[in-house]
Amino acid sequence: MLEFTPITIDAAGQLEDFARQSLTQSCDYTPGNLIMWADFMQYEYAVEKGTLFISCLSQHNLKEQAFLPPIGKLPLQESIALLQEYCTAKGRKLRFTAVPQEIAEELSTLLPSHRRIELDGWADYIHNAGDIATLQGKALNKRRNRRNKFLAEHPDYEYQRYTANDEEAVTDFILGKGCNEAIMRCYEIHQSITTVRNLAKFHQPAAIIKIDGRVVAFTLGEVWGNMLYIHIEKADREFPGLGETLASSFAADIINEQPQVELINREEDLGDEGLRQAKRAYNPIYLLNRYEFIPQ
């Protein structure tokens, strides 16, 4: 029977192996996302017959336990059978969450007794990487104008890739952003700092922007295949256009370093209207919807 273990930074190597095999563009399967949100989402994993199984909280109802669709060598039908055996032994009902649309149709066929619902606020925003890097085109005119205004007002700003020497300045910057009453927001601040402190163990590309020697913006992501996933992006609102400058600079930097990158996943908006408007302002080429499969 499957045996699940909590996901920690020590699981990075195994998770990276499966990220290379994943056929979905969803950010949920990236090692960075799984490790960063492991405590909040109660991520646990098991590996059986070359296949990765992940147990977690439901994105539809954070009080329910569920599973991500397994990825790896086993056909989906055989993976479901292993999960059903596990659930029967544990007295649980088999429930799937965060199901990307690339997998949803097959899962609907294999689980006809389950109800499928779309997860509002959990769709990944997928962008053309070149569009973000250049901010060219009519649809991004406002973003480009904001960046140009920032560049004109702060010609001496410094963009650079993050190094271990920046750890203290970046953690102080993130702490300065503060957290509000939203539990996920407070957790995200905490885990952003933890992620920064673990970059020596788990290498993800990151960058900062400084003004007058002070860190005012920070971003971090990871690349799998032709996709750059943006896990953290923070900019001081004191400087209009700083966010656009950070996003475009980091995208251009990564494309120059890894020319195979064609797409950028700026992840979900979690139903926050302000965040939704901000993400849509970058003109996504499509949204990657996610679904929940609930046992009847």
C-alpha atoms as a PDB file:
ATOM      1  CA  MET A   1       0.000   0.000   0.000  1.00  0.00           C
ATOM      2  CA  LEU A   2       1.113   3.581  -0.596  1.00  0.00           C
ATOM      3  CA  GLU A   3       3.033   5.269   2.229  1.00  0.00           C
ATOM      4  CA  PHE A   4       2.998   9.056   2.320  1.00  0.00           C
ATOM      5  CA  THR A   5       5.740  11.299   3.717  1.00  0.00           C
ATOM      6  CA  PRO A   6       5.514  15.078   4.347  1.00  0.00           C
ATOM      7  CA  ILE A   7       7.184  17.159   1.646  1.00  0.00           C
ATOM      8  CA  THR A   8      10.274  19.037   2.860  1.00  0.00           C
ATOM      9  CA  ILE A   9      13.291  20.636   1.211  1.00  0.00           C
ATOM     10  CA  ASP A  10      14.958  17.208   1.360  1.00  0.00           C
ATOM     11  CA  ALA A  11      12.454  15.924  -1.220  1.00  0.00           C
ATOM     12  CA  ALA A  12      13.644  18.441  -3.830  1.00  0.00           C
ATOM     13  CA  GLY A  13      15.703  15.930  -5.810  1.00  0.00           C
ATOM     14  CA  GLN A  14      12.860  13.445  -6.245  1.00  0.00           C
ATOM     15  CA  LEU A  15      10.357  16.185  -7.033  1.00  0.00           C
ATOM     16  CA  GLU A  16      12.693  17.588  -9.692  1.00  0.00           C
ATOM     17  CA  ASP A  17      12.882  14.172 -11.372  1.00  0.00           C
ATOM     18  CA  PHE A  18       9.101  14.063 -11.707  1.00  0.00           C
ATOM     19  CA  ALA A  19       8.845  17.709 -12.775  1.00  0.00           C
ATOM     20  CA  ARG A  20      10.898  16.734 -15.830  1.00  0.00           C
ATOM     21  CA  GLN A  21       8.292  14.068 -16.673  1.00  0.00           C
ATOM     22  CA  SER A  22       5.155  16.087 -16.012  1.00  0.00           C
ATOM     23  CA  LEU A  23       2.903  16.612 -19.006  1.00  0.00           C
ATOM     24  CA  THR A  24       0.973  19.467 -17.409  1.00  0.00           C
ATOM     25  CA  GLN A  25       1.792  23.182 -17.331  1.00  0.00           C
ATOM     26  CA  SER A  26       0.221  23.596 -13.888  1.00  0.00           C
ATOM     27  CA  CYS A  27       2.385  25.251 -11.231  1.00  0.00           C
ATOM     28  CA  ASP A  28       1.134  22.715  -8.667  1.00  0.00           C
ATOM     29  CA  TYR A  29       3.665  20.103  -9.753  1.00  0.00           C
ATOM     30  CA  THR A  30       6.736  22.342  -9.617  1.00  0.00           C
ATOM     31  CA  PRO A  31       9.131  21.486  -6.770  1.00  0.00           C
ATOM     32  CA  GLY A  32       9.308  25.124  -5.721  1.00  0.00           C
ATOM     33  CA  ASN A  33       5.553  25.416  -5.297  1.00  0.00           C
ATOM     34  CA  LEU A  34       5.224  22.069  -3.493  1.00  0.00           C
ATOM     35  CA  ILE A  35       7.994  22.880  -1.027  1.00  0.00           C
ATOM     36  CA  MET A  36       6.931  26.494  -0.457  1.00  0.00           C
ATOM     37  CA  TRP A  37       3.304  25.580   0.308  1.00  0.00           C
ATOM     38  CA  ALA A  38       3.939  22.172   1.929  1.00  0.00           C
ATOM     39  CA  ASP A  39       2.832  23.111   5.451  1.00  0.00           C
ATOM     40  CA  PHE A  40      -0.187  25.188   4.459  1.00  0.00           C
ATOM     41  CA  MET A  41      -1.541  22.646   1.947  1.00  0.00           C
ATOM     42  CA  GLN A  42      -0.350  19.643   3.999  1.00  0.00           C
ATOM     43  CA  TYR A  43       1.506  18.219   1.016  1.00  0.00           C
ATOM     44  CA  GLU A  44       2.676  14.632   1.446  1.00  0.00           C
ATOM     45  CA  TYR A  45       4.080  12.373  -1.235  1.00  0.00           C
ATOM     46  CA  ALA A  46       4.624   8.733  -2.090  1.00  0.00           C
ATOM     47  CA  VAL A  47       6.545   7.159  -4.953  1.00  0.00           C
ATOM     48  CA  GLU A  48       5.416   3.825  -6.328  1.00  0.00           C
ATOM     49  CA  LYS A  49       6.317   2.148  -9.633  1.00  0.00           C
ATOM     50  CA  GLY A  50       7.950   5.281 -10.993  1.00  0.00           C
ATOM     51  CA  THR A  51       4.894   7.395 -10.222  1.00  0.00           C
ATOM     52  CA  LEU A  52       4.482  10.378  -7.873  1.00  0.00           C
ATOM     53  CA  PHE A  53       1.411  10.516  -5.635  1.00  0.00           C
ATOM     54  CA  ILE A  54       0.630  13.704  -3.689  1.00  0.00           C
ATOM     55  CA  SER A  55      -1.856  14.049  -0.844  1.00  0.00           C
ATOM     56  CA  CYS A  56      -2.985  17.557   0.126  1.00  0.00           C
ATOM     57  CA  LEU A  57      -5.862  19.758   1.208  1.00  0.00           C
ATOM     58  CA  SER A  58      -8.648  20.366  -1.264  1.00  0.00           C
ATOM     59  CA  GLN A  59      -8.441  23.705  -3.088  1.00  0.00           C
ATOM     60  CA  HIS A  60     -12.258  23.753  -3.067  1.00  0.00           C
ATOM     61  CA  ASN A  61     -12.516  23.173   0.686  1.00  0.00           C
ATOM     62  CA  LEU A  62      -9.366  23.505   2.775  1.00  0.00           C
ATOM     63  CA  LYS A  63     -10.941  21.270   5.431  1.00  0.00           C
ATOM     64  CA  GLU A  64     -11.048  18.259   3.094  1.00  0.00           C
ATOM     65  CA  GLN A  65      -8.206  15.900   2.157  1.00  0.00           C
ATOM     66  CA  ALA A  66      -7.635  15.197  -1.517  1.00  0.00           C
ATOM     67  CA  PHE A  67      -4.991  14.152  -4.045  1.00  0.00           C
ATOM     68  CA  LEU A  68      -3.319  15.742  -7.018  1.00  0.00           C
ATOM     69  CA  PRO A  69      -3.570  13.569 -10.152  1.00  0.00           C
ATOM     70  CA  PRO A  70      -0.532  11.230 -10.059  1.00  0.00           C
ATOM     71  CA  ILE A  71       2.255  11.754 -12.587  1.00  0.00           C
ATOM     72  CA  GLY A  72       4.885   9.312 -13.779  1.00  0.00           C
ATOM     73  CA  LYS A  73       5.140   5.963 -15.512  1.00  0.00           C
ATOM     74  CA  LEU A  74       1.891   4.301 -14.449  1.00  0.00           C
ATOM     75  CA  PRO A  75      -1.229   4.775 -16.583  1.00  0.00           C
ATOM     76  CA  LEU A  76      -3.714   7.027 -14.801  1.00  0.00           C
ATOM     77  CA  GLN A  77      -6.194   4.174 -14.373  1.00  0.00           C
ATOM     78  CA  GLU A  78      -3.638   2.056 -12.472  1.00  0.00           C
ATOM     79  CA  SER A  79      -2.642   5.036 -10.327  1.00  0.00           C
ATOM     80  CA  ILE A  80      -6.277   5.613  -9.389  1.00  0.00           C
ATOM     81  CA  ALA A  81      -6.580   1.968  -8.352  1.00  0.00           C
ATOM     82  CA  LEU A  82      -3.635   2.360  -5.961  1.00  0.00           C
ATOM     83  CA  LEU A  83      -5.177   5.499  -4.469  1.00  0.00           C
ATOM     84  CA  GLN A  84      -8.552   3.789  -4.134  1.00  0.00           C
ATOM     85  CA  GLU A  85      -6.872   0.919  -2.254  1.00  0.00           C
ATOM     86  CA  TYR A  86      -5.202   3.463   0.054  1.00  0.00           C
ATOM     87  CA  CYS A  87      -8.443   5.380   0.672  1.00  0.00           C
ATOM     88  CA  THR A  88     -10.375   2.189   1.409  1.00  0.00           C
ATOM     89  CA  ALA A  89      -7.763   1.148   3.971  1.00  0.00           C
ATOM     90  CA  LYS A  90      -7.826   4.610   5.594  1.00  0.00           C
ATOM     91  CA  GLY A  91     -11.592   4.979   5.538  1.00  0.00           C
ATOM     92  CA  ARG A  92     -11.390   7.956   3.156  1.00  0.00           C
ATOM     93  CA  LYS A  93     -13.217   8.835  -0.019  1.00  0.00           C
ATOM     94  CA  LEU A  94     -11.123   9.358  -3.136  1.00  0.00           C
ATOM     95  CA  ARG A  95     -11.145  13.034  -4.057  1.00  0.00           C
ATOM     96  CA  PHE A  96      -8.969  14.858  -6.603  1.00  0.00           C
ATOM     97  CA  THR A  97      -8.103  18.547  -6.492  1.00  0.00           C
ATOM     98  CA  ALA A  98      -6.120  20.993  -8.641  1.00  0.00           C
ATOM     99  CA  VAL A  99      -6.781  18.842 -11.708  1.00  0.00           C
ATOM    100  CA  PRO A 100      -5.380  20.661 -14.766  1.00  0.00           C
ATOM    101  CA  GLN A 101      -7.598  20.798 -17.798  1.00  0.00           C
ATOM    102  CA  GLU A 102      -5.111  18.626 -19.746  1.00  0.00           C
ATOM    103  CA  ILE A 103      -5.939  15.747 -17.381  1.00  0.00           C
ATOM    104  CA  ALA A 104      -9.554  16.558 -16.510  1.00  0.00           C
ATOM    105  CA  GLU A 105     -11.179  14.875 -19.517  1.00  0.00           C
ATOM    106  CA  GLU A 106      -9.408  11.548 -18.963  1.00  0.00           C
ATOM    107  CA  LEU A 107     -10.204  11.682 -15.264  1.00  0.00           C
ATOM    108  CA  SER A 108     -13.875  12.344 -16.037  1.00  0.00           C
ATOM    109  CA  THR A 109     -13.954   9.146 -18.081  1.00  0.00           C
ATOM    110  CA  LEU A 110     -12.231   7.106 -15.384  1.00  0.00           C
ATOM    111  CA  LEU A 111     -14.358   8.521 -12.526  1.00  0.00           C
ATOM    112  CA  PRO A 112     -17.914   8.731 -13.907  1.00  0.00           C
ATOM    113  CA  SER A 113     -19.387   8.684 -10.388  1.00  0.00           C
ATOM    114  CA  HIS A 114     -17.485  11.839  -9.359  1.00  0.00           C
ATOM    115  CA  ARG A 115     -18.828  15.369  -9.759  1.00  0.00           C
ATOM    116  CA  ARG A 116     -16.464  17.747 -11.544  1.00  0.00           C
ATOM    117  CA  ILE A 117     -16.413  21.428 -10.608  1.00  0.00           C
ATOM    118  CA  GLU A 118     -14.215  24.274 -11.806  1.00  0.00           C
ATOM    119  CA  LEU A 119     -12.021  25.856  -9.128  1.00  0.00           C
ATOM    120  CA  ASP A 120     -12.659  29.589  -9.265  1.00  0.00           C
ATOM    121  CA  GLY A 121      -9.562  31.655  -8.572  1.00  0.00           C
ATOM    122  CA  TRP A 122      -7.141  28.772  -9.115  1.00  0.00           C
ATOM    123  CA  ALA A 123      -6.554  29.039 -12.878  1.00  0.00           C
ATOM    124  CA  ASP A 124      -2.927  29.632 -13.903  1.00  0.00           C
ATOM    125  CA  TYR A 125      -2.259  32.705 -16.050  1.00  0.00           C
ATOM    126  CA  ILE A 126      -0.121  31.680 -19.034  1.00  0.00           C
ATOM    127  CA  HIS A 127       1.765  34.352 -20.986  1.00  0.00           C
ATOM    128  CA  ASN A 128       3.998  34.581 -24.009  1.00  0.00           C
ATOM    129  CA  ALA A 129       7.457  35.006 -22.499  1.00  0.00           C
ATOM    130  CA  GLY A 130       8.567  37.450 -25.181  1.00  0.00           C
ATOM    131  CA  ASP A 131       5.550  39.661 -24.493  1.00  0.00           C
ATOM    132  CA  ILE A 132       6.468  39.970 -20.818  1.00  0.00           C
ATOM    133  CA  ALA A 133      10.143  40.527 -21.599  1.00  0.00           C
ATOM    134  CA  THR A 134       9.490  43.397 -24.031  1.00  0.00           C
ATOM    135  CA  LEU A 135       6.029  44.664 -22.982  1.00  0.00           C
ATOM    136  CA  GLN A 136       5.479  45.396 -26.654  1.00  0.00           C
ATOM    137  CA  GLY A 137       2.100  45.612 -28.348  1.00  0.00           C
ATOM    138  CA  LYS A 138      -1.107  47.541 -27.879  1.00  0.00           C
ATOM    139  CA  ALA A 139      -2.457  45.244 -25.156  1.00  0.00           C
ATOM    140  CA  LEU A 140       0.576  45.982 -22.959  1.00  0.00           C
ATOM    141  CA  ASN A 141       0.755  49.687 -23.731  1.00  0.00           C
ATOM    142  CA  LYS A 142      -0.133  50.734 -20.166  1.00  0.00           C
ATOM    143  CA  ARG A 143       2.405  48.306 -18.644  1.00  0.00           C
ATOM    144  CA  ARG A 144       5.094  49.599 -21.015  1.00  0.00           C
ATOM    145  CA  ASN A 145       4.311  53.226 -20.219  1.00  0.00           C
ATOM    146  CA  ARG A 146       4.568  52.547 -16.496  1.00  0.00           C
ATOM    147  CA  ARG A 147       7.924  50.833 -16.968  1.00  0.00           C
ATOM    148  CA  ASN A 148       9.206  53.684 -19.122  1.00  0.00           C
ATOM    149  CA  LYS A 149       8.133  56.215 -16.499  1.00  0.00           C
ATOM    150  CA  PHE A 150      10.032  54.284 -13.848  1.00  0.00           C
ATOM    151  CA  LEU A 151      13.134  54.105 -16.041  1.00  0.00           C
ATOM    152  CA  ALA A 152      12.993  57.853 -16.675  1.00  0.00           C
ATOM    153  CA  GLU A 153      12.594  58.689 -12.980  1.00  0.00           C
ATOM    154  CA  HIS A 154      15.156  56.182 -11.710  1.00  0.00           C
ATOM    155  CA  PRO A 155      17.908  55.879 -14.342  1.00  0.00           C
ATOM    156  CA  ASP A 156      20.386  54.631 -11.726  1.00  0.00           C
ATOM    157  CA  TYR A 157      18.308  51.671 -10.544  1.00  0.00           C
ATOM    158  CA  GLU A 158      20.128  48.332 -10.339  1.00  0.00           C
ATOM    159  CA  TYR A 159      18.718  45.024 -11.591  1.00  0.00           C
ATOM    160  CA  GLN A 160      20.781  41.991 -10.662  1.00  0.00           C
ATOM    161  CA  ARG A 161      20.460  38.283 -10.050  1.00  0.00           C
ATOM    162  CA  TYR A 162      20.097  37.263  -6.442  1.00  0.00           C
ATOM    163  CA  THR A 163      23.150  35.861  -4.626  1.00  0.00           C
ATOM    164  CA  ALA A 164      23.640  34.563  -1.099  1.00  0.00           C
ATOM    165  CA  ASN A 165      25.050  37.954  -0.162  1.00  0.00           C
ATOM    166  CA  ASP A 166      21.586  39.444  -0.687  1.00  0.00           C
ATOM    167  CA  GLU A 167      19.777  37.145   1.772  1.00  0.00           C
ATOM    168  CA  GLU A 168      19.546  39.551   4.695  1.00  0.00           C
ATOM    169  CA  ALA A 169      18.489  42.523   2.546  1.00  0.00           C
ATOM    170  CA  VAL A 170      15.839  40.464   0.734  1.00  0.00           C
ATOM    171  CA  THR A 171      14.374  38.958   3.901  1.00  0.00           C
ATOM    172  CA  ASP A 172      14.197  42.428   5.459  1.00  0.00           C
ATOM    173  CA  PHE A 173      12.432  43.681   2.321  1.00  0.00           C
ATOM    174  CA  ILE A 174       9.876  40.851   2.381  1.00  0.00           C
ATOM    175  CA  LEU A 175       9.226  41.327   6.094  1.00  0.00           C
ATOM    176  CA  GLY A 176       8.654  45.008   5.412  1.00  0.00           C
ATOM    177  CA  LYS A 177       5.796  44.122   3.069  1.00  0.00           C
ATOM    178  CA  GLY A 178       3.875  42.869   6.101  1.00  0.00           C
ATOM    179  CA  CYS A 179       0.818  40.630   6.157  1.00  0.00           C
ATOM    180  CA  ASN A 180      -2.831  41.469   6.586  1.00  0.00           C
ATOM    181  CA  GLU A 181      -5.644  39.437   8.098  1.00  0.00           C
ATOM    182  CA  ALA A 182      -5.561  36.920   5.236  1.00  0.00           C
ATOM    183  CA  ILE A 183      -4.052  33.658   6.519  1.00  0.00           C
ATOM    184  CA  MET A 184      -2.668  32.678   3.117  1.00  0.00           C
ATOM    185  CA  ARG A 185      -1.044  36.108   2.773  1.00  0.00           C
ATOM    186  CA  CYS A 186       0.737  35.772   6.129  1.00  0.00           C
ATOM    187  CA  TYR A 187       1.838  32.240   5.290  1.00  0.00           C
ATOM    188  CA  GLU A 188       3.097  33.395   1.893  1.00  0.00           C
ATOM    189  CA  ILE A 189       5.267  36.068   3.551  1.00  0.00           C
ATOM    190  CA  HIS A 190       6.696  33.516   5.982  1.00  0.00           C
ATOM    191  CA  GLN A 191       7.356  30.898   3.321  1.00  0.00           C
ATOM    192  CA  SER A 192       8.869  33.433   0.938  1.00  0.00           C
ATOM    193  CA  ILE A 193      11.514  34.122   3.563  1.00  0.00           C
ATOM    194  CA  THR A 194      12.022  30.402   4.194  1.00  0.00           C
ATOM    195  CA  THR A 195      12.421  29.839   0.455  1.00  0.00           C
ATOM    196  CA  VAL A 196      15.034  32.586   0.203  1.00  0.00           C
ATOM    197  CA  ARG A 197      16.971  31.053   3.067  1.00  0.00           C
ATOM    198  CA  ASN A 198      16.900  27.642   1.335  1.00  0.00           C
ATOM    199  CA  LEU A 199      18.109  28.809  -2.070  1.00  0.00           C
ATOM    200  CA  ALA A 200      21.567  27.456  -1.335  1.00  0.00           C
ATOM    201  CA  LYS A 201      20.015  23.963  -1.170  1.00  0.00           C
ATOM    202  CA  PHE A 202      17.392  24.357  -3.873  1.00  0.00           C
ATOM    203  CA  HIS A 203      18.587  26.457  -6.764  1.00  0.00           C
ATOM    204  CA  GLN A 204      15.895  28.602  -8.328  1.00  0.00           C
ATOM    205  CA  PRO A 205      16.629  31.718 -10.396  1.00  0.00           C
ATOM    206  CA  ALA A 206      15.885  34.910  -8.483  1.00  0.00           C
ATOM    207  CA  ALA A 207      16.530  38.612  -8.981  1.00  0.00           C
ATOM    208  CA  ILE A 208      16.372  41.912  -7.153  1.00  0.00           C
ATOM    209  CA  ILE A 209      16.104  45.586  -7.993  1.00  0.00           C
ATOM    210  CA  LYS A 210      17.868  48.205  -5.881  1.00  0.00           C
ATOM    211  CA  ILE A 211      17.423  51.954  -5.683  1.00  0.00           C
ATOM    212  CA  ASP A 212      20.119  53.882  -3.854  1.00  0.00           C
ATOM    213  CA  GLY A 213      21.527  50.581  -2.664  1.00  0.00           C
ATOM    214  CA  ARG A 214      18.236  49.443  -1.067  1.00  0.00           C
ATOM    215  CA  VAL A 215      16.327  46.345  -2.206  1.00  0.00           C
ATOM    216  CA  VAL A 216      12.924  47.507  -3.467  1.00  0.00           C
ATOM    217  CA  ALA A 217      11.847  44.479  -5.514  1.00  0.00           C
ATOM    218  CA  PHE A 218      12.384  40.725  -5.514  1.00  0.00           C
ATOM    219  CA  THR A 219      11.259  37.862  -7.741  1.00  0.00           C
ATOM    220  CA  LEU A 220      11.851  34.131  -7.847  1.00  0.00           C
ATOM    221  CA  GLY A 221      10.811  31.351 -10.187  1.00  0.00           C
ATOM    222  CA  GLU A 222      11.892  28.111 -11.773  1.00  0.00           C
ATOM    223  CA  VAL A 223      12.121  26.761 -15.307  1.00  0.00           C
ATOM    224  CA  TRP A 224      10.764  23.426 -16.487  1.00  0.00           C
ATOM    225  CA  GLY A 225      10.767  22.718 -20.209  1.00  0.00           C
ATOM    226  CA  ASN A 226       9.706  25.836 -22.094  1.00  0.00           C
ATOM    227  CA  MET A 227       7.927  27.388 -19.096  1.00  0.00           C
ATOM    228  CA  LEU A 228       9.116  29.903 -16.503  1.00  0.00           C
ATOM    229  CA  TYR A 229       7.015  29.673 -13.342  1.00  0.00           C
ATOM    230  CA  ILE A 230       6.888  32.838 -11.205  1.00  0.00           C
ATOM    231  CA  HIS A 231       6.517  31.851  -7.536  1.00  0.00           C
ATOM    232  CA  ILE A 232       7.349  35.164  -5.877  1.00  0.00           C
ATOM    233  CA  GLU A 233       7.104  38.704  -7.237  1.00  0.00           C
ATOM    234  CA  LYS A 234       7.192  41.671  -4.866  1.00  0.00           C
ATOM    235  CA  ALA A 235       7.798  45.346  -5.583  1.00  0.00           C
ATOM    236  CA  ASP A 236       7.638  48.449  -3.391  1.00  0.00           C
ATOM    237  CA  ARG A 237       4.502  50.390  -4.346  1.00  0.00           C
ATOM    238  CA  GLU A 238       6.334  53.604  -3.575  1.00  0.00           C
ATOM    239  CA  PHE A 239       7.790  53.380  -7.082  1.00  0.00           C
ATOM    240  CA  PRO A 240       5.170  53.280  -9.882  1.00  0.00           C
ATOM    241  CA  GLY A 241       6.314  51.061 -12.733  1.00  0.00           C
ATOM    242  CA  LEU A 242       8.730  49.089 -10.558  1.00  0.00           C
ATOM    243  CA  GLY A 243       6.626  45.925 -10.815  1.00  0.00           C
ATOM    244  CA  GLU A 244       6.588  46.118 -14.608  1.00  0.00           C
ATOM    245  CA  THR A 245      10.334  46.727 -14.668  1.00  0.00           C
ATOM    246  CA  LEU A 246      10.944  43.718 -12.442  1.00  0.00           C
ATOM    247  CA  ALA A 247       8.687  41.417 -14.479  1.00  0.00           C
ATOM    248  CA  SER A 248      10.108  42.409 -17.863  1.00  0.00           C
ATOM    249  CA  SER A 249      13.748  42.419 -16.699  1.00  0.00           C
ATOM    250  CA  PHE A 250      13.496  38.973 -15.118  1.00  0.00           C
ATOM    251  CA  ALA A 251      11.734  37.508 -18.161  1.00  0.00           C
ATOM    252  CA  ALA A 252      14.342  38.936 -20.534  1.00  0.00           C
ATOM    253  CA  ASP A 253      17.130  37.698 -18.267  1.00  0.00           C
ATOM    254  CA  ILE A 254      15.788  34.138 -18.148  1.00  0.00           C
ATOM    255  CA  ILE A 255      15.113  34.015 -21.907  1.00  0.00           C
ATOM    256  CA  ASN A 256      18.662  35.174 -22.588  1.00  0.00           C
ATOM    257  CA  GLU A 257      19.991  32.476 -20.259  1.00  0.00           C
ATOM    258  CA  GLN A 258      17.581  29.712 -21.351  1.00  0.00           C
ATOM    259  CA  PRO A 259      16.378  30.420 -24.921  1.00  0.00           C
ATOM    260  CA  GLN A 260      13.956  27.484 -24.857  1.00  0.00           C
ATOM    261  CA  VAL A 261      11.653  29.447 -22.534  1.00  0.00           C
ATOM    262  CA  GLU A 262       8.600  30.476 -24.560  1.00  0.00           C
ATOM    263  CA  LEU A 263       5.896  30.720 -21.899  1.00  0.00           C
ATOM    264  CA  ILE A 264       5.531  32.234 -18.440  1.00  0.00           C
ATOM    265  CA  ASN A 265       3.141  30.915 -15.800  1.00  0.00           C
ATOM    266  CA  ARG A 266       2.270  33.792 -13.444  1.00  0.00           C
ATOM    267  CA  GLU A 267       0.101  31.431 -11.390  1.00  0.00           C
ATOM    268  CA  GLU A 268      -3.342  31.996  -9.873  1.00  0.00           C
ATOM    269  CA  ASP A 269      -5.237  34.981  -8.470  1.00  0.00           C
ATOM    270  CA  LEU A 270      -6.961  33.062  -5.598  1.00  0.00           C
ATOM    271  CA  GLY A 271     -10.159  34.995  -6.277  1.00  0.00           C
ATOM    272  CA  ASP A 272      -8.650  38.287  -5.112  1.00  0.00           C
ATOM    273  CA  GLU A 273     -10.135  40.959  -7.403  1.00  0.00           C
ATOM    274  CA  GLY A 274      -7.145  43.285  -7.163  1.00  0.00           C
ATOM    275  CA  LEU A 275      -4.721  40.485  -7.948  1.00  0.00           C
ATOM    276  CA  ARG A 276      -6.981  39.301 -10.759  1.00  0.00           C
ATOM    277  CA  GLN A 277      -6.953  42.707 -12.416  1.00  0.00           C
ATOM    278  CA  ALA A 278      -3.177  42.953 -12.014  1.00  0.00           C
ATOM    279  CA  LYS A 279      -2.616  39.566 -13.643  1.00  0.00           C
ATOM    280  CA  ARG A 280      -5.027  40.238 -16.494  1.00  0.00           C
ATOM    281  CA  ALA A 281      -3.249  43.527 -17.175  1.00  0.00           C
ATOM    282  CA  TYR A 282      -0.313  41.493 -18.521  1.00  0.00           C
ATOM    283  CA  ASN A 283      -2.537  40.049 -21.266  1.00  0.00           C
ATOM    284  CA  PRO A 284      -2.375  36.263 -20.734  1.00  0.00           C
ATOM    285  CA  ILE A 285      -2.651  34.190 -23.888  1.00  0.00           C
ATOM    286  CA  TYR A 286      -4.839  31.693 -21.990  1.00  0.00           C
ATOM    287  CA  LEU A 287      -5.864  30.549 -18.522  1.00  0.00           C
ATOM    288  CA  LEU A 288      -5.110  26.988 -17.442  1.00  0.00           C
ATOM    289  CA  ASN A 289      -8.210  26.002 -15.502  1.00  0.00           C
ATOM    290  CA  ARG A 290      -8.173  23.572 -12.582  1.00  0.00           C
ATOM    291  CA  TYR A 291     -10.946  21.287 -11.384  1.00  0.00           C
ATOM    292  CA  GLU A 292     -12.064  19.343  -8.335  1.00  0.00           C
ATOM    293  CA  PHE A 293     -13.462  15.804  -8.592  1.00  0.00           C
ATOM    294  CA  ILE A 294     -15.821  15.214  -5.688  1.00  0.00           C
ATOM    295  CA  PRO A 295     -17.167  11.718  -4.853  1.00  0.00           C
ATOM    296  CA  GLN A 296     -20.954  11.532  -5.010  1.00  0.00           C
END
